[in-house]
Protein backbone atom coordinates (compact mmCIF):
# COMPACT_ATOMS: atom_id res chain seq x y z
CA MET A 1 14.20 -13.10 3.08
CA LYS A 2 15.90 -9.77 2.66
CA ILE A 3 14.26 -6.58 1.90
CA ILE A 4 15.27 -2.84 0.93
CA VAL A 5 14.59 -0.34 2.77
CA ASP A 6 14.96 3.51 1.56
CA ALA A 7 16.70 4.99 4.35
CA MET A 8 15.88 8.60 3.55
CA GLY A 9 12.37 8.66 2.88
CA GLY A 10 9.73 10.41 5.04
CA ASP A 11 9.11 12.66 7.79
CA ASN A 12 11.14 10.89 10.16
CA ALA A 13 13.68 9.52 8.23
CA PRO A 14 16.93 8.42 8.81
CA ASP A 15 15.95 7.82 12.48
CA ALA A 16 12.50 6.07 12.55
CA ILE A 17 13.43 4.24 9.62
CA VAL A 18 16.61 2.58 11.15
CA GLU A 19 14.98 2.16 14.10
CA GLY A 20 12.43 0.30 12.81
CA SER A 21 14.49 -1.85 10.27
CA LEU A 22 16.12 -2.85 13.85
CA LYS A 23 13.15 -4.11 15.07
CA ALA A 24 12.03 -5.84 11.79
CA ASN A 25 15.39 -8.01 11.51
CA GLU A 26 15.42 -8.96 15.38
CA ALA A 27 11.33 -9.44 15.25
CA TYR A 28 10.87 -11.73 12.41
CA GLY A 29 14.77 -12.65 10.98
CA VAL A 30 14.99 -10.99 7.86
CA GLU A 31 17.42 -9.37 6.70
CA ILE A 32 17.78 -5.51 5.48
CA ALA A 33 19.66 -3.57 3.15
CA LEU A 34 19.52 0.38 4.27
CA VAL A 35 19.83 2.49 1.34
CA GLY A 36 20.90 6.07 2.28
CA LYS A 37 23.53 8.26 3.58
CA GLY A 38 26.00 5.58 5.25
CA GLU A 39 27.49 8.32 8.33
CA GLN A 40 24.04 9.72 9.03
CA ILE A 41 22.43 5.70 9.22
CA LEU A 42 25.75 4.58 11.40
CA HIS A 43 25.12 7.77 13.64
CA VAL A 44 21.37 6.44 14.68
CA PHE A 45 22.32 2.80 15.03
CA GLU A 46 25.27 4.66 17.77
CA ALA A 47 22.41 7.11 18.89
CA LEU A 48 20.60 3.52 19.53
CA GLY A 49 23.67 2.11 21.71
CA ARG A 50 24.67 -0.26 18.76
CA HIS A 51 27.84 0.73 17.90
CA GLU A 52 28.54 -2.27 14.83
CA LEU A 53 25.96 -3.30 12.63
CA PRO A 54 24.15 -5.93 13.55
CA ALA A 55 23.92 -9.23 11.75
CA GLY A 56 21.73 -9.33 8.44
CA ILE A 57 21.81 -5.11 8.22
CA GLU A 58 23.93 -3.88 5.77
CA ILE A 59 24.16 -0.30 4.60
CA VAL A 60 24.17 0.83 0.69
CA ASN A 61 25.63 4.45 0.53
CA ALA A 62 23.54 6.86 -1.80
CA SER A 63 24.46 10.48 -1.30
CA GLU A 64 21.54 12.17 -2.70
CA VAL A 65 17.52 12.86 -1.29
CA ILE A 66 14.81 13.24 -3.56
CA GLY A 67 12.43 15.83 -1.73
CA ILE A 68 8.32 15.57 -1.20
CA GLU A 69 8.26 18.73 -3.51
CA GLU A 70 10.18 17.89 -6.43
CA ASP A 71 8.58 17.14 -9.46
CA PRO A 72 8.45 13.00 -8.94
CA ALA A 73 9.61 11.55 -12.93
CA HIS A 74 12.40 14.60 -13.19
CA ALA A 75 13.92 13.99 -9.41
CA ILE A 76 14.08 9.87 -10.41
CA ARG A 77 15.64 10.94 -13.78
CA LEU A 78 18.25 13.69 -12.62
CA LYS A 79 19.23 12.30 -9.00
CA LYS A 80 20.88 8.88 -10.47
CA ASP A 81 21.82 8.44 -6.81
CA SER A 82 19.00 9.32 -4.56
CA SER A 83 18.29 6.66 -2.10
CA LEU A 84 15.09 5.64 -4.10
CA SER A 85 16.71 5.62 -7.07
CA VAL A 86 19.78 3.16 -5.74
CA ALA A 87 17.25 0.77 -4.08
CA LEU A 88 15.24 0.46 -6.57
CA ALA A 89 18.04 -0.17 -9.43
CA LEU A 90 18.67 -3.06 -6.31
CA LEU A 91 15.01 -4.16 -6.56
CA ARG A 92 15.50 -4.48 -9.91
CA ASP A 93 18.79 -6.60 -9.86
CA GLY A 94 17.59 -8.97 -7.65
CA ARG A 95 19.64 -8.10 -4.71
CA GLY A 96 16.48 -7.89 -1.78
CA ASP A 97 13.19 -9.57 -2.49
CA ALA A 98 11.01 -5.96 -1.75
CA LEU A 99 11.22 -2.62 -1.10
CA VAL A 100 10.13 -0.26 1.26
CA SER A 101 9.83 3.61 1.03
CA ALA A 102 7.91 6.14 3.17
CA GLY A 103 9.68 8.96 0.52
CA SER A 104 7.22 10.92 -1.88
CA THR A 105 4.35 8.84 -3.33
CA GLY A 106 5.00 9.90 -6.84
CA ALA A 107 8.56 9.45 -6.86
CA LEU A 108 7.97 5.58 -5.89
CA LEU A 109 5.33 5.40 -8.41
CA SER A 110 7.59 7.04 -11.05
CA GLY A 111 10.77 4.90 -9.84
CA ALA A 112 8.85 2.26 -10.09
CA THR A 113 7.85 2.03 -13.13
CA LEU A 114 10.64 3.42 -14.60
CA ILE A 115 13.63 1.99 -13.11
CA VAL A 116 11.65 -1.97 -12.05
CA LYS A 117 8.92 -1.84 -14.32
CA ARG A 118 5.51 -2.51 -14.53
CA VAL A 119 3.68 -6.29 -15.03
CA ARG A 120 3.84 -6.53 -18.76
CA GLY A 121 0.11 -5.75 -19.84
CA ILE A 122 -0.53 -4.33 -16.69
CA ARG A 123 -1.04 -0.71 -18.00
CA ARG A 124 -0.87 1.41 -14.67
CA ALA A 125 0.73 0.45 -11.09
CA ALA A 126 -2.35 0.70 -8.06
CA LEU A 127 -2.17 1.45 -4.58
CA ALA A 128 -3.76 -1.20 -2.59
CA PRO A 129 -3.90 -0.90 1.07
CA PHE A 130 -5.81 -3.03 3.43
CA ILE A 131 -8.77 -1.52 5.58
CA PRO A 132 -10.67 -2.80 8.09
CA ASN A 133 -14.13 -2.92 8.64
CA THR A 134 -16.73 -4.95 10.48
CA ALA A 135 -16.22 -7.94 8.34
CA GLY A 136 -12.34 -8.20 9.02
CA GLY A 137 -11.15 -5.72 6.40
CA PHE A 138 -11.11 -5.22 2.66
CA ILE A 139 -8.31 -4.13 -0.03
CA LEU A 140 -9.09 -0.60 -1.61
CA ILE A 141 -7.42 0.11 -5.18
CA ASP A 142 -6.60 2.48 -6.21
CA CYS A 143 -5.88 4.68 -2.99
CA GLY A 144 -3.83 7.89 -4.92
CA ALA A 145 -1.47 6.49 -7.80
CA ASN A 146 -3.91 7.63 -10.85
CA SER A 147 -5.93 10.49 -10.47
CA GLU A 148 -7.21 10.05 -13.94
CA CYS A 149 -8.20 6.54 -14.92
CA THR A 150 -10.31 4.93 -17.84
CA PRO A 151 -12.37 2.01 -17.36
CA GLU A 152 -10.09 -0.48 -18.87
CA TYR A 153 -7.71 0.76 -16.14
CA LEU A 154 -10.28 -0.20 -13.43
CA LEU A 155 -10.90 -3.51 -14.74
CA GLN A 156 -7.24 -4.34 -14.11
CA PHE A 157 -7.91 -2.76 -10.69
CA ALA A 158 -10.34 -5.24 -10.33
CA TYR A 159 -8.19 -8.19 -11.32
CA MET A 160 -5.14 -7.14 -8.90
CA GLY A 161 -7.23 -6.33 -6.16
CA SER A 162 -8.90 -9.95 -6.44
CA PHE A 163 -5.72 -11.86 -7.08
CA TYR A 164 -4.25 -9.83 -3.96
CA ALA A 165 -7.10 -10.58 -1.63
CA GLN A 166 -6.72 -14.33 -2.50
CA ASP A 167 -3.05 -14.37 -1.25
CA MET A 168 -3.22 -11.95 1.46
CA MET A 169 -6.67 -12.29 2.44
CA GLN A 170 -6.82 -15.98 2.23
CA ILE A 171 -10.26 -15.48 0.33
CA SER A 172 -11.00 -18.08 -2.79
CA ALA A 173 -13.32 -15.86 -4.73
CA PRO A 174 -13.21 -12.51 -3.29
CA ARG A 175 -16.44 -10.25 -3.52
CA VAL A 176 -15.08 -7.15 -5.96
CA GLY A 177 -17.78 -3.89 -5.81
CA LEU A 178 -17.40 -1.02 -7.48
CA LEU A 179 -17.30 2.35 -5.43
CA ASN A 180 -20.13 4.46 -6.56
CA ASN A 181 -23.22 6.71 -5.62
CA GLY A 182 -25.72 3.86 -5.50
CA VAL A 183 -26.26 0.64 -6.46
CA GLU A 184 -28.26 0.95 -9.32
CA ARG A 185 -26.22 -0.25 -12.34
CA THR A 186 -27.19 3.41 -14.13
CA LYS A 187 -25.50 5.62 -11.66
CA GLY A 188 -22.34 7.72 -11.72
CA THR A 189 -20.46 9.26 -14.31
CA PRO A 190 -19.46 7.59 -17.74
CA LEU A 191 -15.90 6.08 -16.18
CA GLN A 192 -18.58 3.93 -12.95
CA LEU A 193 -21.00 3.28 -16.14
CA MET A 194 -18.49 1.67 -19.03
CA THR A 195 -16.69 0.34 -15.70
CA TYR A 196 -19.77 -1.48 -14.79
CA GLU A 197 -20.03 -3.17 -18.11
CA LEU A 198 -16.71 -4.33 -18.34
CA LEU A 199 -16.76 -6.08 -14.65
CA GLU A 200 -20.41 -7.44 -15.76
CA LYS A 201 -18.41 -9.07 -18.58
CA ALA A 202 -15.85 -10.29 -16.59
CA ALA A 203 -18.25 -11.68 -13.64
CA LEU A 204 -20.46 -13.55 -16.86
CA SER A 205 -17.21 -15.46 -18.00
CA GLY A 206 -16.23 -16.55 -14.13
CA ALA A 207 -13.20 -14.39 -13.84
CA LEU A 208 -14.51 -12.49 -11.39
CA ASN A 209 -16.95 -12.46 -8.04
CA PHE A 210 -18.15 -9.13 -9.32
CA VAL A 211 -20.91 -7.83 -6.26
CA GLY A 212 -21.87 -4.55 -8.37
CA ASN A 213 -21.92 -1.22 -7.34
CA VAL A 214 -21.34 -0.49 -3.56
CA GLU A 215 -22.05 2.68 -1.79
CA ALA A 216 -19.52 4.22 0.84
CA LYS A 217 -21.56 3.64 3.73
CA GLU A 218 -21.89 -0.15 3.02
CA VAL A 219 -18.23 -0.81 2.48
CA MET A 220 -17.14 -0.68 6.43
CA LYS A 221 -20.23 -3.44 6.64
CA GLY A 222 -18.45 -6.12 4.64
CA ALA A 223 -20.37 -5.03 1.38
CA CYS A 224 -17.11 -6.57 -0.47
CA ASP A 225 -13.84 -7.61 -0.08
CA VAL A 226 -12.01 -5.60 -2.96
CA LEU A 227 -13.41 -1.83 -3.76
CA VAL A 228 -12.71 -0.50 -6.98
CA CYS A 229 -12.33 3.36 -8.09
CA ASP A 230 -9.87 5.54 -9.53
CA GLY A 231 -7.10 7.05 -7.29
CA PHE A 232 -8.76 10.49 -6.65
CA THR A 233 -11.77 9.13 -5.47
CA GLY A 234 -10.02 6.52 -3.58
CA ASN A 235 -7.81 9.12 -2.03
CA ILE A 236 -10.76 11.14 -0.53
CA PHE A 237 -12.76 8.34 0.60
CA LEU A 238 -9.46 6.79 2.39
CA LYS A 239 -8.52 10.11 4.60
CA THR A 240 -11.86 10.33 5.39
CA ILE A 241 -12.09 6.91 7.22
CA GLU A 242 -8.70 7.82 8.95
CA GLY A 243 -10.29 11.46 9.60
CA THR A 244 -13.37 9.70 11.19
CA ALA A 245 -11.43 7.18 13.08
CA SER A 246 -9.55 9.82 15.07
CA PHE A 247 -11.97 12.06 15.34
CA PHE A 248 -13.94 9.36 16.79
CA MET A 249 -11.07 8.05 19.39
CA SER A 250 -10.58 11.75 20.11
CA GLU A 251 -14.65 11.82 21.32
CA LEU A 252 -14.42 7.99 22.97
CA LYS A 253 -11.21 9.60 24.90
CA GLY A 254 -13.10 12.73 25.93
CA ILE A 255 -15.83 11.12 27.42
CA PHE A 256 -14.47 8.54 29.14
CA MET A 257 -12.34 11.20 30.88
CA ALA A 258 -15.12 13.52 31.58
CA ASN A 259 -15.10 12.75 35.03
CA ALA A 260 -14.58 9.94 37.98
CA LYS A 261 -17.45 7.44 37.50
CA THR A 262 -16.26 7.53 33.52
CA LYS A 263 -13.09 7.05 34.30
CA LEU A 264 -14.05 3.82 36.37
CA GLY A 265 -15.70 2.53 33.40
CA ALA A 266 -13.02 3.42 31.08
CA LEU A 267 -10.56 0.93 33.04
CA LEU A 268 -13.16 -1.22 33.10
CA VAL A 269 -13.13 -1.41 29.18
CA ARG A 270 -9.62 -0.68 28.89
CA LYS A 271 -7.95 -3.72 27.12
CA ASN A 272 -11.28 -3.51 24.58
CA LEU A 273 -10.27 0.03 23.69
CA LEU A 274 -6.82 -0.77 23.20
CA GLN A 275 -8.16 -3.54 21.16
CA LEU A 276 -10.21 -1.08 18.86
CA LYS A 277 -7.63 1.73 19.13
CA GLN A 278 -4.93 -0.93 17.63
CA ARG A 279 -7.12 -2.12 14.94
CA LEU A 280 -8.09 1.43 13.53
CA ASN A 281 -4.34 2.58 13.76
CA PRO A 282 -2.55 2.56 10.32
CA ASP A 283 0.56 1.77 11.76
CA ALA A 284 0.09 -1.38 12.72
CA ILE A 285 -0.31 -2.22 8.76
CA GLY A 286 2.49 -0.22 8.25
CA GLY A 287 2.35 0.38 4.74
CA THR A 288 0.54 -0.01 1.06
CA ALA A 289 1.06 -2.93 -1.40
CA LEU A 290 1.87 -0.74 -5.16
CA LEU A 291 0.51 -3.71 -7.19
CA GLY A 292 1.17 -3.62 -11.13
CA ILE A 293 4.77 -3.88 -10.31
CA SER A 294 7.17 -6.54 -11.37
CA LYS A 295 8.66 -6.81 -8.36
CA PRO A 296 6.88 -6.42 -4.40
CA VAL A 297 6.89 -2.58 -3.61
CA ILE A 298 5.40 -1.64 -0.19
CA LYS A 299 4.86 2.42 0.24
CA ALA A 300 5.34 3.14 3.79
CA HIS A 301 3.22 6.56 5.39
CA GLY A 302 5.54 9.64 5.23
CA SER A 303 5.15 10.27 8.71
CA SER A 304 5.98 6.74 9.75
CA ASN A 305 7.35 5.72 12.98
CA ALA A 306 9.65 2.95 13.81
CA PHE A 307 6.76 1.12 15.30
CA ALA A 308 4.96 1.56 11.13
CA ILE A 309 8.24 0.71 9.45
CA SER A 310 8.59 -2.27 11.22
CA ASN A 311 5.25 -3.63 10.49
CA ALA A 312 5.58 -2.60 6.73
CA ILE A 313 8.96 -4.37 6.37
CA HIS A 314 6.77 -7.20 7.84
CA GLN A 315 4.34 -6.80 5.30
CA ALA A 316 6.36 -6.58 1.98
CA CYS A 317 8.04 -10.20 3.34
CA ASN A 318 4.31 -11.72 2.87
CA VAL A 319 4.14 -9.46 -0.13
CA ALA A 320 7.08 -11.09 -1.56
CA LYS A 321 6.15 -14.79 -0.59
CA SER A 322 2.86 -14.50 -2.23
CA ASP A 323 4.76 -14.22 -5.87
CA ILE A 324 1.33 -11.60 -6.57
CA ALA A 325 3.56 -10.43 -9.73
CA ALA A 326 3.65 -13.72 -11.32
CA LYS A 327 0.13 -14.24 -10.88
CA LEU A 328 -0.57 -11.01 -12.74
CA HIS A 329 1.55 -12.13 -15.28
CA GLU A 330 0.03 -15.52 -15.80
CA ASN A 331 -3.40 -13.68 -15.95
CA ILE A 332 -2.76 -10.86 -18.15
CA SER A 333 -4.68 -12.31 -21.25
CA SER A 334 -7.83 -12.01 -19.34
CA MET A 335 -7.37 -8.51 -18.08
CA LYS A 336 -7.17 -7.03 -21.58
CA THR A 337 -10.21 -5.91 -23.10
CA PRO A 338 -10.38 -6.23 -27.10
CA GLU A 339 -9.49 -2.78 -27.68
CA GLN A 340 -6.24 -2.97 -25.23
CA ASP A 341 -5.53 -5.93 -27.50
CA ALA A 342 -5.75 -3.63 -30.55
CA GLN A 343 -3.41 -0.96 -29.37
CA GLN A 344 -0.75 -3.31 -28.84
CA VAL A 345 -0.80 -4.80 -32.17
CA GLU A 346 -0.70 -1.72 -33.39
């Protein structure tokens, strides 16, 4: 297994990216192609006490970097020798099994669409993070790749999330829920109302295990395995969860550190607290799969540290093994509405 890594993407690049890649190489035996400014990458290895490239790691030089503030599509077209553009071209050409980048989400989405291409028939690629809850966890799709969506997009998100959950969560018939402000089928905007009809038809045909509308508060209690929504709503939902988890852990620390008695209590439950902290830590997962692209692409957090990058590379290996793109290709006919088929004919 060989993973292509954008060494210049992210707030902590290239230091955290190189260190995380080294950790993944040692822990999982995965080959790594680090793409970026070769001299800077070598300096990081030297700072880590590695004066020669470790076995299984190579450097592919790229002279440019796409900044977070740049227009994504314009930067991809203009900067042909950016670390991200070169990395995506390597993936397209079969010189690696998957790609990991902590750089600009917009640039990664644009680049993956323009260079690697979507699975034929998929209208939009979507970000699908795994989020822990009381039942173990669920797939959220989309969490920010598509701010404006049509019901047809959400239908395809449901299929993509369902196929992904089957492989990654080992669930034969994942429960698909539609994020809404109530469980009644009459709730929501026209987008939710029309999407509900499409998902219900898919469920009646046996193609999806659609469980209906799901309220945000019930998602964290295990109401579904795949949560479908537009990227704008999904991004707010995700960041609210992350902020709430951070607030909760901060308040809990304050309670346990209040006095000698509470500190003693903290010692007694220290192991459980560490397990909870790890479960709520997004770095433990490392990144988010960009579903709908013809080859595996993983978006790591922009602020990823070495631990997160190592886990993102491990996740990339698992996504590559699942071959989710092939499953989407095989089932694309069932993922289209009559209107989409008519548009394709035209």
